[in-house]
Amino acid sequence: MSVESQVSDVMTSAQFSQESIPTLVKGVEAQVAGSIPYNFTANKALLKLYSSVLYKPSFLPSLKSLLLLSLPSSTEFDSLKHILPADALEPCKDVLECGRLLEDCAFEEFWKQAKVADVMEVKGLEDSIRTRILTDVSLGYSTLPTSTLLTYLSLSPNSPLTFDSIECVEGSSVVFKKTDYNGVKKGTKESGIELNRIVAMMN
């Protein structure tokens, strides 16, 4: 039986049984490796099981991994953070700091911290986080200097910007697709919100 099927069976039968922990841990490891899809519900069940017993250092690898996996969603990250065992707060501080920096839209600082927290060890996570950053930025801007966006995304200067939220690249600026929030006239700086203002609003 595949790991994904084993996790599914646990979730439909005895998700809050201590005997389920090894299977759910295998599920987290498989998500990190990219061999099964992200499963927030199963990861949250594992965290609740960890919270119901005395904390052990052996829990740390899977605790950090399930927090990392949730980074692309601020809602899911916060949900897990608030049920994290108190004894795990200090050992997980590098990942928790990543979550704070993303929430504060401190994107340059986030990528520096991401190296400390081993974000790059989770297959596909960088791309998912870039999608989150693009979503946040495009909610507040109609346009943004290309160099600024590349820095926010931790991409090299010649990287192609082929993301769904981008309408086009005009000269040295990126034009985002119109939303209800980022201005009414695409391609004009006046239709969005100034960089320092939007960052302040998001903090």
Protein backbone atom coordinates (compact mmCIF):
# COMPACT_ATOMS: atom_id res chain seq x y z
CA MET A 1 0.00 0.00 0.00
CA SER A 2 1.35 3.45 -0.90
CA VAL A 3 2.19 6.02 1.77
CA GLU A 4 -0.62 8.23 0.49
CA SER A 5 -3.11 5.37 0.91
CA GLN A 6 -1.79 4.58 4.37
CA VAL A 7 -2.25 8.19 5.45
CA SER A 8 -5.74 8.23 3.95
CA ASP A 9 -6.67 5.09 5.87
CA VAL A 10 -5.40 6.60 9.12
CA MET A 11 -7.37 9.79 8.54
CA THR A 12 -10.62 7.87 8.04
CA SER A 13 -10.16 5.48 10.93
CA ALA A 14 -8.02 6.52 13.88
CA GLN A 15 -6.41 9.87 13.20
CA PHE A 16 -6.03 10.76 16.88
CA SER A 17 -4.54 7.45 17.97
CA GLN A 18 -0.92 7.47 19.12
CA GLU A 19 -0.38 4.42 16.92
CA SER A 20 -1.04 6.67 13.91
CA ILE A 21 2.06 8.81 14.49
CA PRO A 22 4.54 6.67 12.50
CA THR A 23 2.24 6.60 9.46
CA LEU A 24 1.59 10.34 9.60
CA VAL A 25 5.33 11.01 9.97
CA LYS A 26 5.95 8.93 6.85
CA GLY A 27 3.34 11.09 5.15
CA VAL A 28 5.19 14.28 6.09
CA GLU A 29 8.46 12.83 4.82
CA ALA A 30 6.81 11.89 1.52
CA GLN A 31 5.39 15.41 1.16
CA VAL A 32 8.84 16.90 1.72
CA ALA A 33 10.22 14.60 -0.98
CA GLY A 34 7.40 15.60 -3.33
CA SER A 35 6.22 12.02 -3.77
CA ILE A 36 2.70 12.67 -2.44
CA PRO A 37 0.57 15.85 -2.44
CA TYR A 38 0.57 18.30 0.46
CA ASN A 39 -1.96 17.21 3.10
CA PHE A 40 -2.73 19.94 5.61
CA THR A 41 -5.42 17.92 7.41
CA ALA A 42 -3.10 14.97 8.06
CA ASN A 43 -0.26 17.26 9.13
CA LYS A 44 -2.53 19.08 11.57
CA ALA A 45 -3.67 15.73 12.99
CA LEU A 46 -0.03 14.76 13.55
CA LEU A 47 0.70 18.05 15.29
CA LYS A 48 -2.30 17.53 17.60
CA LEU A 49 -1.01 14.07 18.45
CA TYR A 50 2.41 15.50 19.24
CA SER A 51 0.76 18.15 21.42
CA SER A 52 -1.09 15.50 23.43
CA VAL A 53 2.07 13.75 24.64
CA LEU A 54 5.31 14.78 26.30
CA TYR A 55 7.53 16.53 23.77
CA LYS A 56 10.55 14.55 22.55
CA PRO A 57 13.49 15.84 20.46
CA SER A 58 12.76 13.06 17.98
CA PHE A 59 9.57 14.95 17.03
CA LEU A 60 11.57 17.94 15.76
CA PRO A 61 12.31 16.90 12.13
CA SER A 62 8.66 16.24 11.30
CA LEU A 63 7.47 19.29 13.26
CA LYS A 64 9.77 21.57 11.28
CA SER A 65 8.81 19.87 8.03
CA LEU A 66 5.06 20.23 8.51
CA LEU A 67 5.54 23.91 9.38
CA LEU A 68 7.66 24.43 6.27
CA LEU A 69 5.06 22.70 4.10
CA SER A 70 2.39 25.13 5.32
CA LEU A 71 4.37 28.33 4.59
CA PRO A 72 2.61 29.10 1.27
CA SER A 73 -0.66 29.60 3.21
CA SER A 74 -0.60 32.13 6.04
CA THR A 75 -3.89 30.72 7.38
CA GLU A 76 -2.60 27.15 7.55
CA PHE A 77 0.77 28.21 8.97
CA ASP A 78 -0.93 30.19 11.74
CA SER A 79 -3.26 27.28 12.49
CA LEU A 80 -0.33 24.93 13.00
CA LYS A 81 1.77 27.49 14.85
CA HIS A 82 -0.91 27.93 17.51
CA ILE A 83 -1.02 24.23 18.39
CA LEU A 84 2.75 23.74 18.35
CA PRO A 85 3.95 22.21 21.65
CA ALA A 86 5.49 24.89 23.86
CA ASP A 87 8.72 22.92 24.13
CA ALA A 88 9.04 23.01 20.33
CA LEU A 89 8.86 26.79 19.97
CA GLU A 90 12.58 27.38 20.48
CA PRO A 91 13.76 24.44 18.31
CA CYS A 92 11.41 25.59 15.52
CA LYS A 93 12.26 29.29 15.79
CA ASP A 94 13.99 29.45 12.39
CA VAL A 95 10.84 28.24 10.61
CA LEU A 96 8.58 30.44 12.74
CA GLU A 97 10.73 33.43 11.77
CA CYS A 98 10.21 32.53 8.10
CA GLY A 99 6.47 32.67 8.65
CA ARG A 100 6.71 36.06 10.37
CA LEU A 101 8.81 37.57 7.59
CA LEU A 102 6.38 36.37 4.92
CA GLU A 103 3.45 37.76 6.87
CA ASP A 104 5.26 41.11 7.18
CA CYS A 105 6.04 41.11 3.43
CA ALA A 106 9.74 41.30 4.28
CA PHE A 107 10.54 39.20 1.23
CA GLU A 108 14.27 39.89 0.91
CA GLU A 109 14.82 39.00 4.56
CA PHE A 110 12.61 35.95 4.16
CA TRP A 111 14.84 34.38 1.50
CA LYS A 112 17.90 34.88 3.70
CA GLN A 113 16.13 33.19 6.61
CA ALA A 114 14.85 30.46 4.28
CA LYS A 115 18.40 29.20 3.85
CA VAL A 116 18.73 28.84 7.62
CA ALA A 117 15.40 27.00 7.85
CA ASP A 118 16.17 24.58 5.00
CA VAL A 119 13.20 25.72 2.90
CA MET A 120 15.03 24.54 -0.21
CA GLU A 121 15.03 20.97 1.13
CA VAL A 122 11.26 20.70 0.55
CA LYS A 123 10.60 19.83 -3.07
CA GLY A 124 8.52 22.44 -4.87
CA LEU A 125 8.20 24.71 -1.84
CA GLU A 126 10.16 27.61 -3.35
CA ASP A 127 7.75 27.82 -6.28
CA SER A 128 4.72 27.70 -3.99
CA ILE A 129 6.14 30.51 -1.85
CA ARG A 130 6.86 32.59 -4.95
CA THR A 131 3.21 32.17 -5.93
CA ARG A 132 2.17 33.43 -2.50
CA ILE A 133 4.49 36.44 -2.76
CA LEU A 134 3.14 37.27 -6.22
CA THR A 135 -0.41 37.06 -4.91
CA ASP A 136 0.38 39.43 -2.04
CA VAL A 137 2.22 41.91 -4.25
CA SER A 138 -0.38 41.91 -7.04
CA LEU A 139 -3.14 42.71 -4.54
CA GLY A 140 -1.48 46.05 -3.84
CA TYR A 141 0.20 47.02 -7.08
CA SER A 142 -0.78 47.45 -10.68
CA THR A 143 2.88 47.78 -11.68
CA LEU A 144 6.25 47.19 -10.04
CA PRO A 145 9.84 47.61 -11.24
CA THR A 146 11.01 44.29 -12.66
CA SER A 147 14.20 44.40 -10.61
CA THR A 148 12.19 44.82 -7.41
CA LEU A 149 9.93 41.88 -8.19
CA LEU A 150 12.89 39.66 -9.06
CA THR A 151 14.42 40.53 -5.70
CA TYR A 152 11.15 39.76 -3.90
CA LEU A 153 11.06 36.37 -5.64
CA SER A 154 14.79 35.65 -5.17
CA LEU A 155 15.25 35.17 -8.91
CA SER A 156 18.23 36.07 -11.10
CA PRO A 157 18.02 39.16 -13.37
CA ASN A 158 17.45 37.10 -16.53
CA SER A 159 14.75 34.85 -15.08
CA PRO A 160 11.54 34.67 -17.16
CA LEU A 161 8.47 36.08 -15.41
CA THR A 162 5.83 33.68 -16.67
CA PHE A 163 3.37 33.73 -13.78
CA ASP A 164 -0.42 33.75 -13.97
CA SER A 165 -0.79 37.02 -12.04
CA ILE A 166 1.45 38.95 -14.47
CA GLU A 167 -0.18 40.57 -17.47
CA CYS A 168 3.04 41.54 -19.23
CA VAL A 169 6.45 43.17 -18.87
CA GLU A 170 6.63 46.71 -20.25
CA GLY A 171 10.12 48.15 -20.40
CA SER A 172 11.58 47.93 -16.91
CA SER A 173 8.26 47.30 -15.17
CA VAL A 174 5.99 44.34 -14.56
CA VAL A 175 2.27 44.89 -15.13
CA PHE A 176 -0.03 42.76 -12.99
CA LYS A 177 -3.44 41.57 -14.04
CA LYS A 178 -6.18 43.85 -12.79
CA THR A 179 -7.82 42.97 -9.48
CA ASP A 180 -10.38 44.69 -7.26
CA TYR A 181 -7.53 46.03 -5.14
CA ASN A 182 -4.53 46.99 -7.26
CA GLY A 183 -5.87 49.94 -9.22
CA VAL A 184 -8.09 50.53 -12.19
CA LYS A 185 -5.68 51.28 -15.03
CA LYS A 186 -3.02 48.71 -15.71
CA GLY A 187 0.48 49.78 -16.54
CA THR A 188 0.36 53.14 -14.74
CA LYS A 189 2.12 53.63 -11.47
CA GLU A 190 -0.63 55.99 -10.28
CA SER A 191 -3.20 53.20 -10.37
CA GLY A 192 -1.45 51.15 -7.73
CA ILE A 193 -0.14 51.91 -4.26
CA GLU A 194 3.37 53.18 -3.61
CA LEU A 195 5.82 50.54 -2.45
CA ASN A 196 6.44 51.94 1.01
CA ARG A 197 2.71 52.44 1.60
CA ILE A 198 1.66 48.92 0.66
CA VAL A 199 4.41 47.32 2.75
CA ALA A 200 3.36 49.47 5.72
CA MET A 201 -0.27 48.47 5.21
CA MET A 202 0.64 44.78 5.10
CA ASN A 203 2.80 44.89 8.24
